[in-house]
Amino acid sequence: MRLRPTWLPALFALCAGAWQVSPARPQPIPARPELLRFAPFEVEFPGPERYRHAIGTDTIAYVVEDHRLPLVDLRVLLRIGAFLDPPGKDGLALMTLDLMRLGGTEGRSPAELEAALARLGAEVSTSTGDLYSAVRLRCLSSQLDAALPLLAEILDRPAFEPAALDRLKNQRIRGLGNRNDDAAGLADREWNWLLHGREHFSARYLVAPQLYALGRSDFEGFHRRYVRRAPRVLALSGDVSAEKWLPRLAGLAPPEPRSAEVARSWPPPAPHFQPRPGVYQLSGPAGQSQVIVGRLYGGGSPWDDPTLPASRLANQVLSGGSFASRLFRRLRTEEGLVYGVTSSLEAPELWPGAFEVRFQADPAKAGKALVEVLAELERLRQEPVSESELDLARGELKAEFAEAVGSARQIALALAEDQLLGRPPAARRRSWDQLQAVTPQTLRQAAGQLFDPAQLLILVVGDSPTLARELPPALQQAQPLPHRDPYTLEVVP
């Protein structure tokens, strides 16, 4: 027979008494997600002063310490992007950065560079967009001292090995052959052209003839003219200290002074294309129709736009990523018309941003889904939202703001991007405060402008047999868009 210790009943009684003194208070589960309530929270938006360090005349470093793990994240941001591509050489900036990483250095072949990084357990990657590029190093803090010279080699002494260049060109060209097979990618391309035209650098795409024509001298010349001379902003975070590492970061400063050509290149020109509202359709067999509804948004600096906070909240109420959003609830949950639906509001940076609603639907249901989207836009224009709906949207947006500066890595990157693009240091704090001031009335006013049906463009990719019957008479005449060769983007007869 197993004996039970005599002190256990007393212990259980004591614990039970303790729980009776401080009973747990379970929170009731609301019937719907929009009924959730959150306690107010505040976020510290770090000013740049405590993290900002000048290195020479053309390099700024932001160092944010986080010693919880022995890891380091370092990004070198450069004002190198598609805006510097010469006419007829689209993709030159993108491929130059790719080859800086893949094409070896003056002292190491591509294989030797890979082996050197592997011995350190370090990872280096590159990325290039319209406005800037980034070269990123990730490694253990104990290996940072040995990894920095390798990063400097990649930045300033690339070899652009011909074999690596051939491999990259062939890889890119093979990828072009498949781009018309992706309905979402087709929609992205056609939508970009509808908003910005085809001449602006932000709406140009790689084509095979230009890729074939690019040679090693093009990459060497681009690197010499821009990469070695462009201002740099460093974002260093993790198990580091500014006092120790700032002297070592000096080796990542541009090796040559900024030229007049580099100075004249910034800021890049804005597009002057004027979109034409209406319905556009790119026909063709597809398992689902891709539909985009939207327009350009803004024109000046987003930090001086008093309607931006209310416009953001209007988009959040509409379909900002929540299951409780109006479009998801109506189109997906209640009607079952779409596979997925989202909306977004891209704030203007150096030129206008864009508002857009995207959904994917069975071609037979795309017309009805589009009618429902337009009805929800008009409803937001005509009817004030409830306080509870506004509070939920505000809480979601504030959570996004908080997440954007939620770690040392994100803080360093946010401050570096602000520096590179010229954003005011206090912009995030001001946007946070402005969100709190939005009322149902000011949101309705912003929605009245943002969702103006006379300004909307509608793009449908895929055949939709019921589209003309479902839409109002004014929208039933869709303008057909031509099919294009995937390699050249020329119109297919």
Protein backbone atom coordinates (compact mmCIF):
# COMPACT_ATOMS: atom_id res chain seq x y z
CA MET A 1 0.00 0.00 0.00
CA ARG A 2 1.36 3.40 -1.04
CA LEU A 3 1.25 6.00 1.74
CA ARG A 4 0.24 9.57 0.99
CA PRO A 5 2.28 12.28 2.77
CA THR A 6 0.22 13.88 5.53
CA TRP A 7 1.26 17.41 4.47
CA LEU A 8 -0.35 17.20 0.99
CA PRO A 9 -3.96 17.92 2.12
CA ALA A 10 -2.76 20.98 3.99
CA LEU A 11 -0.85 22.19 0.94
CA PHE A 12 -3.88 21.70 -1.32
CA ALA A 13 -6.07 23.55 1.17
CA LEU A 14 -3.58 26.43 1.33
CA CYS A 15 -3.42 26.67 -2.45
CA ALA A 16 -7.19 26.54 -2.74
CA GLY A 17 -7.48 29.32 -0.23
CA ALA A 18 -4.98 31.40 -2.12
CA TRP A 19 -6.96 31.01 -5.34
CA GLN A 20 -10.11 31.97 -3.46
CA VAL A 21 -8.46 35.18 -2.29
CA SER A 22 -7.37 36.18 -5.85
CA PRO A 23 -9.77 34.47 -8.24
CA ALA A 24 -8.93 34.49 -11.93
CA ARG A 25 -11.20 36.63 -14.04
CA PRO A 26 -11.65 35.03 -17.44
CA GLN A 27 -12.29 37.52 -20.21
CA PRO A 28 -15.49 36.85 -22.17
CA ILE A 29 -14.93 35.77 -25.76
CA PRO A 30 -16.69 38.21 -28.11
CA ALA A 31 -19.09 36.91 -30.74
CA ARG A 32 -17.20 38.59 -33.59
CA PRO A 33 -13.60 39.76 -34.12
CA GLU A 34 -14.61 43.41 -34.48
CA LEU A 35 -15.88 43.32 -30.88
CA LEU A 36 -12.40 42.67 -29.53
CA ARG A 37 -11.13 45.43 -27.25
CA PHE A 38 -7.50 46.23 -26.57
CA ALA A 39 -5.92 48.19 -23.78
CA PRO A 40 -4.31 51.45 -24.95
CA PHE A 41 -0.63 51.13 -25.68
CA GLU A 42 2.11 53.55 -26.51
CA VAL A 43 5.20 53.08 -28.63
CA GLU A 44 8.52 54.82 -28.28
CA PHE A 45 9.56 56.10 -31.68
CA PRO A 46 13.31 56.38 -31.36
CA GLY A 47 14.87 59.62 -32.51
CA PRO A 48 17.93 59.32 -34.71
CA GLU A 49 20.23 61.32 -32.43
CA ARG A 50 21.11 58.52 -30.02
CA TYR A 51 21.98 56.07 -32.82
CA ARG A 52 23.38 58.31 -35.56
CA HIS A 53 27.12 58.50 -36.28
CA ALA A 54 28.91 60.25 -39.14
CA ILE A 55 31.71 58.39 -40.90
CA GLY A 56 33.55 60.77 -43.17
CA THR A 57 31.54 63.10 -45.40
CA ASP A 58 29.29 60.70 -47.31
CA THR A 59 28.48 57.91 -44.86
CA ILE A 60 26.10 57.81 -41.89
CA ALA A 61 25.87 54.79 -39.58
CA TYR A 62 22.97 53.91 -37.29
CA VAL A 63 24.04 51.48 -34.56
CA VAL A 64 21.35 49.87 -32.38
CA GLU A 65 22.55 47.45 -29.71
CA ASP A 66 20.79 44.22 -28.73
CA HIS A 67 22.96 41.79 -26.75
CA ARG A 68 20.39 39.05 -26.15
CA LEU A 69 21.85 36.88 -28.93
CA PRO A 70 25.40 36.82 -30.36
CA LEU A 71 24.17 37.87 -33.82
CA VAL A 72 24.81 40.88 -36.05
CA ASP A 73 22.82 42.35 -38.93
CA LEU A 74 24.52 44.99 -41.10
CA ARG A 75 22.98 46.63 -44.15
CA VAL A 76 24.69 49.08 -46.45
CA LEU A 77 22.07 51.21 -48.20
CA LEU A 78 23.04 53.02 -51.38
CA ARG A 79 21.14 55.44 -53.63
CA ILE A 80 21.49 52.98 -56.47
CA GLY A 81 18.35 51.83 -58.25
CA ALA A 82 16.41 51.57 -61.47
CA PHE A 83 16.35 55.36 -61.70
CA LEU A 84 19.99 55.20 -62.79
CA ASP A 85 19.44 52.72 -65.64
CA PRO A 86 20.45 54.35 -68.93
CA PRO A 87 17.96 54.27 -71.84
CA GLY A 88 17.95 50.86 -73.46
CA LYS A 89 19.70 49.19 -70.52
CA ASP A 90 16.88 48.42 -68.11
CA GLY A 91 18.05 46.15 -65.31
CA LEU A 92 21.64 47.42 -65.28
CA ALA A 93 21.49 48.56 -61.64
CA LEU A 94 19.77 45.34 -60.54
CA MET A 95 22.25 43.07 -62.28
CA THR A 96 25.26 45.12 -61.17
CA LEU A 97 24.31 44.51 -57.53
CA ASP A 98 23.64 40.84 -58.25
CA LEU A 99 27.05 40.42 -59.88
CA MET A 100 28.82 42.25 -57.09
CA ARG A 101 27.71 39.35 -54.92
CA LEU A 102 27.96 36.48 -57.42
CA GLY A 103 30.83 37.50 -59.67
CA GLY A 104 33.78 37.27 -57.29
CA THR A 105 36.16 40.06 -56.28
CA GLU A 106 39.54 41.26 -57.51
CA GLY A 107 41.27 38.95 -55.05
CA ARG A 108 38.86 35.99 -54.95
CA SER A 109 37.00 33.91 -57.50
CA PRO A 110 33.28 33.35 -56.88
CA ALA A 111 34.05 29.92 -55.39
CA GLU A 112 36.78 31.34 -53.15
CA LEU A 113 34.47 34.11 -51.93
CA GLU A 114 31.76 31.57 -51.10
CA ALA A 115 34.27 29.43 -49.21
CA ALA A 116 35.55 32.42 -47.21
CA LEU A 117 32.01 33.39 -46.17
CA ALA A 118 31.12 29.78 -45.36
CA ARG A 119 34.13 29.43 -43.04
CA LEU A 120 32.78 32.36 -41.04
CA GLY A 121 29.18 31.19 -41.14
CA ALA A 122 28.38 34.55 -42.72
CA GLU A 123 25.70 35.37 -45.28
CA VAL A 124 25.82 38.27 -47.75
CA SER A 125 22.89 39.18 -50.01
CA THR A 126 21.90 42.08 -52.25
CA SER A 127 18.59 43.66 -53.21
CA THR A 128 17.75 46.47 -55.63
CA GLY A 129 14.59 48.53 -56.07
CA ASP A 130 13.58 51.66 -57.90
CA LEU A 131 15.17 54.09 -55.43
CA TYR A 132 17.91 52.29 -53.52
CA SER A 133 19.88 49.11 -53.09
CA ALA A 134 21.05 47.20 -50.04
CA VAL A 135 23.98 44.90 -49.39
CA ARG A 136 23.31 42.85 -46.26
CA LEU A 137 25.68 40.93 -44.01
CA ARG A 138 24.51 38.54 -41.28
CA CYS A 139 26.89 36.67 -39.03
CA LEU A 140 27.84 35.85 -35.45
CA SER A 141 29.19 38.84 -33.56
CA SER A 142 32.42 36.91 -32.97
CA GLN A 143 32.95 36.75 -36.76
CA LEU A 144 32.11 40.35 -37.64
CA ASP A 145 35.71 41.54 -37.56
CA ALA A 146 36.71 38.91 -40.14
CA ALA A 147 33.57 39.40 -42.28
CA LEU A 148 33.85 43.18 -42.73
CA PRO A 149 36.82 43.01 -45.15
CA LEU A 150 34.89 40.52 -47.30
CA LEU A 151 31.92 42.88 -47.37
CA ALA A 152 34.22 45.75 -48.40
CA GLU A 153 35.60 43.62 -51.24
CA ILE A 154 32.09 42.91 -52.51
CA LEU A 155 31.15 46.57 -52.33
CA ASP A 156 34.22 48.19 -53.83
CA ARG A 157 36.32 45.59 -55.66
CA PRO A 158 33.96 43.25 -57.56
CA ALA A 159 35.41 41.29 -60.48
CA PHE A 160 32.25 40.73 -62.56
CA GLU A 161 33.62 37.38 -63.69
CA PRO A 162 32.41 36.63 -67.27
CA ALA A 163 31.26 33.09 -66.44
CA ALA A 164 29.12 34.40 -63.55
CA LEU A 165 27.72 37.09 -65.84
CA ASP A 166 26.72 34.50 -68.44
CA ARG A 167 25.05 32.32 -65.81
CA LEU A 168 23.08 35.24 -64.42
CA LYS A 169 21.95 36.46 -67.84
CA ASN A 170 20.82 32.98 -68.86
CA GLN A 171 18.96 32.56 -65.58
CA ARG A 172 17.17 35.88 -66.00
CA ILE A 173 16.24 35.19 -69.62
CA ARG A 174 14.83 31.76 -68.75
CA GLY A 175 12.68 33.43 -66.11
CA LEU A 176 11.27 35.85 -68.69
CA GLY A 177 9.81 32.97 -70.67
CA ASN A 178 7.43 32.09 -67.82
CA ARG A 179 6.19 35.50 -66.81
CA ASN A 180 3.01 35.42 -68.90
CA ASP A 181 2.02 32.17 -67.17
CA ASP A 182 1.45 33.96 -63.86
CA ALA A 183 -1.89 35.78 -63.79
CA ALA A 184 -0.92 37.76 -60.70
CA GLY A 185 2.34 38.85 -62.33
CA LEU A 186 0.48 39.86 -65.48
CA ALA A 187 -1.90 41.94 -63.37
CA ASP A 188 1.02 43.64 -61.60
CA ARG A 189 2.65 44.62 -64.89
CA GLU A 190 -0.47 45.88 -66.62
CA TRP A 191 -1.59 47.76 -63.51
CA ASN A 192 1.77 49.49 -63.22
CA TRP A 193 1.52 50.63 -66.81
CA LEU A 194 -2.06 51.86 -66.34
CA LEU A 195 -0.97 54.03 -63.40
CA HIS A 196 2.46 55.23 -64.53
CA GLY A 197 2.71 54.65 -68.26
CA ARG A 198 5.56 52.71 -69.85
CA GLU A 199 8.26 55.40 -69.95
CA HIS A 200 8.99 56.01 -66.28
CA PHE A 201 11.77 53.85 -64.84
CA SER A 202 9.44 52.46 -62.17
CA ALA A 203 7.31 50.88 -64.93
CA ARG A 204 10.06 49.41 -67.10
CA TYR A 205 10.77 45.68 -67.14
CA LEU A 206 13.61 43.42 -68.20
CA VAL A 207 13.50 42.29 -71.83
CA ALA A 208 15.71 39.71 -73.51
CA PRO A 209 17.29 41.90 -76.23
CA GLN A 210 18.58 44.41 -73.67
CA LEU A 211 19.83 41.64 -71.37
CA TYR A 212 21.73 40.00 -74.21
CA ALA A 213 23.37 43.33 -75.06
CA LEU A 214 24.70 44.01 -71.55
CA GLY A 215 28.39 43.22 -71.26
CA ARG A 216 31.04 43.24 -68.57
CA SER A 217 32.11 46.78 -69.43
CA ASP A 218 28.56 48.03 -68.71
CA PHE A 219 28.71 46.68 -65.16
CA GLU A 220 32.25 47.90 -64.56
CA GLY A 221 31.33 51.36 -65.81
CA PHE A 222 28.14 51.55 -63.73
CA HIS A 223 30.01 50.45 -60.63
CA ARG A 224 32.77 52.98 -61.21
CA ARG A 225 30.39 55.88 -61.91
CA TYR A 226 27.82 55.26 -59.18
CA VAL A 227 28.49 52.52 -56.63
CA ARG A 228 31.95 53.75 -55.69
CA ARG A 229 30.72 57.35 -55.38
CA ALA A 230 27.14 57.19 -54.08
CA PRO A 231 26.39 58.18 -50.46
CA ARG A 232 25.96 55.23 -48.10
CA VAL A 233 23.89 54.71 -44.98
CA LEU A 234 24.77 51.82 -42.67
CA ALA A 235 22.26 50.06 -40.41
CA LEU A 236 24.10 47.94 -37.82
CA SER A 237 22.20 46.08 -35.12
CA GLY A 238 22.66 43.21 -32.72
CA ASP A 239 25.46 42.19 -30.38
CA VAL A 240 27.64 45.23 -31.11
CA SER A 241 28.65 48.53 -29.58
CA ALA A 242 29.14 51.80 -31.43
CA GLU A 243 32.31 52.60 -29.52
CA LYS A 244 34.01 49.41 -30.66
CA TRP A 245 32.77 49.08 -34.21
CA LEU A 246 32.55 52.59 -35.62
CA PRO A 247 36.30 52.75 -36.40
CA ARG A 248 36.01 49.43 -38.27
CA LEU A 249 32.97 50.61 -40.25
CA ALA A 250 35.08 53.35 -41.81
CA GLY A 251 36.28 50.73 -44.31
CA LEU A 252 32.76 50.65 -45.79
CA ALA A 253 32.68 54.34 -46.75
CA PRO A 254 32.69 55.16 -50.49
CA PRO A 255 36.25 54.89 -51.82
CA GLU A 256 35.80 57.93 -54.07
CA PRO A 257 34.16 61.34 -53.47
CA ARG A 258 30.65 62.04 -54.67
CA SER A 259 30.70 63.25 -58.27
CA ALA A 260 28.56 66.00 -59.80
CA GLU A 261 26.82 63.28 -61.84
CA VAL A 262 25.82 61.41 -58.68
CA ALA A 263 24.66 64.63 -57.00
CA ARG A 264 22.48 65.57 -60.01
CA SER A 265 20.84 62.15 -60.10
CA TRP A 266 18.92 62.68 -56.83
CA PRO A 267 16.03 63.09 -56.43
CA PRO A 268 14.92 61.01 -59.42
CA PRO A 269 12.22 62.36 -61.73
CA ALA A 270 8.57 61.69 -60.98
CA PRO A 271 6.28 60.16 -63.61
CA HIS A 272 4.18 62.63 -65.60
CA PHE A 273 1.74 60.08 -66.99
CA GLN A 274 -1.96 60.81 -66.41
CA PRO A 275 -3.99 57.63 -65.82
CA ARG A 276 -7.32 57.29 -67.61
CA PRO A 277 -10.12 55.94 -65.40
CA GLY A 278 -12.14 53.11 -66.87
CA VAL A 279 -12.34 49.33 -67.17
CA TYR A 280 -9.49 47.40 -68.80
CA GLN A 281 -9.38 43.69 -69.54
CA LEU A 282 -6.58 41.33 -70.56
CA SER A 283 -8.43 38.26 -71.74
CA GLY A 284 -7.23 34.71 -71.76
CA PRO A 285 -7.95 31.36 -70.17
CA ALA A 286 -7.14 31.23 -66.50
CA GLY A 287 -8.27 29.24 -63.49
CA GLN A 288 -9.24 32.45 -61.73
CA SER A 289 -9.69 36.09 -62.61
CA GLN A 290 -7.34 38.66 -61.11
CA VAL A 291 -9.10 41.98 -60.50
CA ILE A 292 -7.62 45.29 -59.33
CA VAL A 293 -9.59 48.45 -58.53
CA GLY A 294 -7.75 51.63 -57.61
CA ARG A 295 -6.13 54.93 -58.46
CA LEU A 296 -3.10 57.10 -57.83
CA TYR A 297 -2.98 58.74 -54.41
CA GLY A 298 -1.39 62.01 -53.33
CA GLY A 299 1.19 64.07 -55.09
CA GLY A 300 3.39 65.89 -52.62
CA SER A 301 5.21 64.81 -49.49
CA PRO A 302 3.17 62.32 -47.43
CA TRP A 303 4.38 64.02 -44.27
CA ASP A 304 2.55 67.23 -45.24
CA ASP A 305 -0.70 65.53 -46.29
CA PRO A 306 -3.37 66.17 -43.63
CA THR A 307 -5.73 63.59 -45.17
CA LEU A 308 -3.25 60.68 -45.05
CA PRO A 309 -4.15 59.37 -41.54
CA ALA A 310 -7.89 59.33 -42.33
CA SER A 311 -7.21 57.75 -45.75
CA ARG A 312 -5.15 55.03 -44.11
CA LEU A 313 -7.95 54.28 -41.68
CA ALA A 314 -10.51 54.21 -44.50
CA ASN A 315 -8.39 51.61 -46.27
CA GLN A 316 -8.00 49.65 -43.03
CA VAL A 317 -11.76 49.54 -42.49
CA LEU A 318 -12.23 48.44 -46.08
CA SER A 319 -9.80 45.52 -46.15
CA GLY A 320 -6.60 46.28 -44.32
CA GLY A 321 -5.72 42.67 -43.57
CA SER A 322 -8.26 41.81 -40.87
CA PHE A 323 -10.87 39.05 -41.03
CA ALA A 324 -13.26 41.65 -39.64
CA SER A 325 -12.70 44.06 -42.56
CA ARG A 326 -15.70 44.92 -44.69
CA LEU A 327 -14.53 43.38 -47.96
CA PHE A 328 -13.37 40.11 -46.44
CA ARG A 329 -16.56 39.75 -44.43
CA ARG A 330 -18.82 40.58 -47.38
CA LEU A 331 -17.04 38.92 -50.32
CA ARG A 332 -15.47 35.93 -48.62
CA THR A 333 -17.37 35.09 -45.45
CA GLU A 334 -20.95 36.01 -46.40
CA GLU A 335 -21.09 35.63 -50.19
CA GLY A 336 -18.23 33.23 -50.95
CA LEU A 337 -17.38 35.16 -54.13
CA VAL A 338 -13.59 35.38 -53.89
CA TYR A 339 -10.58 33.27 -52.97
CA GLY A 340 -8.93 36.24 -51.29
CA VAL A 341 -9.28 40.02 -51.13
CA THR A 342 -6.96 42.76 -49.88
CA SER A 343 -6.65 46.50 -50.14
CA SER A 344 -3.64 48.73 -49.69
CA LEU A 345 -2.75 52.39 -49.59
CA GLU A 346 0.79 53.21 -50.65
CA ALA A 347 1.72 56.64 -49.34
CA PRO A 348 3.48 58.97 -51.78
CA GLU A 349 7.23 59.13 -51.36
CA LEU A 350 8.95 60.99 -54.19
CA TRP A 351 5.91 60.73 -56.46
CA PRO A 352 2.24 59.76 -55.99
CA GLY A 353 1.42 56.51 -54.27
CA ALA A 354 -1.56 54.29 -55.03
CA PHE A 355 -4.73 52.91 -53.51
CA GLU A 356 -5.85 49.51 -54.74
CA VAL A 357 -8.21 46.63 -54.00
CA ARG A 358 -7.17 43.20 -55.30
CA PHE A 359 -9.13 40.00 -55.38
CA GLN A 360 -9.06 36.61 -57.07
CA ALA A 361 -12.31 34.95 -58.07
CA ASP A 362 -13.84 32.26 -60.22
CA PRO A 363 -14.36 33.92 -63.64
CA ALA A 364 -18.11 33.31 -63.36
CA LYS A 365 -18.21 35.23 -60.05
CA ALA A 366 -15.74 38.02 -60.81
CA GLY A 367 -18.41 40.41 -62.10
CA LYS A 368 -20.59 40.12 -59.03
CA ALA A 369 -17.58 40.41 -56.73
CA LEU A 370 -16.54 43.61 -58.51
CA VAL A 371 -20.03 45.07 -58.04
CA GLU A 372 -19.81 44.31 -54.31
CA VAL A 373 -16.40 46.02 -54.08
CA LEU A 374 -17.73 49.16 -55.74
CA ALA A 375 -20.77 49.12 -53.42
CA GLU A 376 -18.57 48.95 -50.32
CA LEU A 377 -16.45 51.85 -51.60
CA GLU A 378 -19.57 53.93 -52.10
CA ARG A 379 -20.92 52.96 -48.70
CA LEU A 380 -17.78 54.31 -47.04
CA ARG A 381 -18.19 57.51 -49.03
CA GLN A 382 -21.77 58.00 -47.92
CA GLU A 383 -22.04 56.58 -44.38
CA PRO A 384 -19.88 57.32 -41.33
CA VAL A 385 -18.26 54.26 -39.77
CA SER A 386 -19.14 53.30 -36.23
CA GLU A 387 -16.86 54.24 -33.36
CA SER A 388 -16.17 50.56 -32.64
CA GLU A 389 -15.17 49.88 -36.26
CA LEU A 390 -12.93 52.93 -36.26
CA ASP A 391 -11.30 51.91 -32.98
CA LEU A 392 -10.57 48.43 -34.33
CA ALA A 393 -8.99 49.82 -37.50
CA ARG A 394 -6.98 52.32 -35.46
CA GLY A 395 -5.69 49.57 -33.19
CA GLU A 396 -4.62 47.47 -36.18
CA LEU A 397 -2.73 50.37 -37.75
CA LYS A 398 -1.06 51.26 -34.48
CA ALA A 399 0.06 47.64 -34.13
CA GLU A 400 1.68 47.93 -37.58
CA PHE A 401 3.44 51.13 -36.51
CA ALA A 402 4.70 49.42 -33.37
CA GLU A 403 5.90 46.36 -35.26
CA ALA A 404 7.89 48.53 -37.66
CA VAL A 405 10.14 49.62 -34.77
CA GLY A 406 9.78 46.49 -32.66
CA SER A 407 13.37 45.26 -32.74
CA ALA A 408 16.90 46.62 -32.92
CA ARG A 409 17.15 45.49 -36.54
CA GLN A 410 13.92 47.24 -37.51
CA ILE A 411 14.88 50.45 -35.72
CA ALA A 412 18.26 50.61 -37.44
CA LEU A 413 16.75 49.92 -40.85
CA ALA A 414 13.90 52.43 -40.39
CA LEU A 415 16.31 55.19 -39.38
CA ALA A 416 18.65 54.37 -42.26
CA GLU A 417 15.81 54.47 -44.79
CA ASP A 418 14.63 57.80 -43.36
CA GLN A 419 18.13 59.19 -43.80
CA LEU A 420 18.50 57.89 -47.34
CA LEU A 421 15.08 59.05 -48.59
CA GLY A 422 14.93 62.32 -46.68
CA ARG A 423 12.01 61.55 -44.39
CA PRO A 424 11.59 63.91 -41.41
CA PRO A 425 12.77 62.29 -38.14
CA ALA A 426 9.50 63.06 -36.35
CA ALA A 427 7.22 61.73 -39.10
CA ARG A 428 6.31 58.44 -37.41
CA ARG A 429 5.46 60.07 -34.12
CA ARG A 430 3.34 62.67 -35.89
CA SER A 431 1.49 60.02 -37.91
CA TRP A 432 0.78 58.06 -34.73
CA ASP A 433 -0.71 61.14 -33.06
CA GLN A 434 -2.75 62.06 -36.14
CA LEU A 435 -4.38 58.61 -36.20
CA GLN A 436 -5.87 59.30 -32.79
CA ALA A 437 -7.47 62.52 -34.04
CA VAL A 438 -9.44 60.88 -36.88
CA THR A 439 -13.21 60.83 -36.34
CA PRO A 440 -15.95 59.02 -38.28
CA GLN A 441 -16.69 62.32 -40.01
CA THR A 442 -13.12 63.02 -41.12
CA LEU A 443 -12.75 59.41 -42.27
CA ARG A 444 -15.89 59.77 -44.39
CA GLN A 445 -14.52 62.97 -45.94
CA ALA A 446 -11.25 61.26 -46.82
CA ALA A 447 -13.10 58.24 -48.23
CA GLY A 448 -15.23 60.56 -50.35
CA GLN A 449 -12.09 61.74 -52.14
CA LEU A 450 -10.10 58.50 -52.13
CA PHE A 451 -12.91 56.27 -53.43
CA ASP A 452 -14.32 58.73 -55.97
CA PRO A 453 -15.74 56.43 -58.69
CA ALA A 454 -14.88 58.96 -61.41
CA GLN A 455 -11.18 58.47 -60.62
CA LEU A 456 -11.07 54.67 -60.40
CA LEU A 457 -9.35 52.32 -62.80
CA ILE A 458 -10.44 48.68 -62.99
CA LEU A 459 -8.26 45.91 -64.39
CA VAL A 460 -9.51 42.38 -65.05
CA VAL A 461 -7.02 39.69 -66.07
CA GLY A 462 -8.73 36.56 -67.39
CA ASP A 463 -12.02 35.85 -69.10
CA SER A 464 -15.12 36.74 -67.10
CA PRO A 465 -18.29 35.82 -69.00
CA THR A 466 -20.66 37.70 -66.68
CA LEU A 467 -18.57 40.86 -66.30
CA ALA A 468 -20.51 43.04 -68.78
CA ARG A 469 -23.91 41.91 -67.47
CA GLU A 470 -23.06 42.53 -63.81
CA LEU A 471 -21.52 46.01 -64.11
CA PRO A 472 -23.45 49.29 -64.40
CA PRO A 473 -23.94 50.50 -68.01
CA ALA A 474 -21.19 53.11 -67.71
CA LEU A 475 -18.62 50.38 -66.96
CA GLN A 476 -19.74 47.67 -69.36
CA GLN A 477 -17.38 48.64 -72.20
CA ALA A 478 -14.04 47.26 -71.10
CA GLN A 479 -11.00 48.39 -73.08
CA PRO A 480 -9.08 45.32 -74.27
CA LEU A 481 -5.36 45.16 -73.53
CA PRO A 482 -3.01 43.44 -75.99
CA HIS A 483 -1.12 40.24 -75.32
CA ARG A 484 2.66 40.60 -75.31
CA ASP A 485 5.63 38.42 -76.05
CA PRO A 486 7.17 37.38 -72.70
CA TYR A 487 10.76 37.96 -73.88
CA THR A 488 10.36 41.34 -75.60
CA LEU A 489 7.05 42.69 -74.21
CA GLU A 490 6.16 43.65 -77.77
CA VAL A 491 2.51 43.27 -78.80
CA VAL A 492 1.71 39.85 -80.23
CA PRO A 493 -0.21 40.19 -83.53
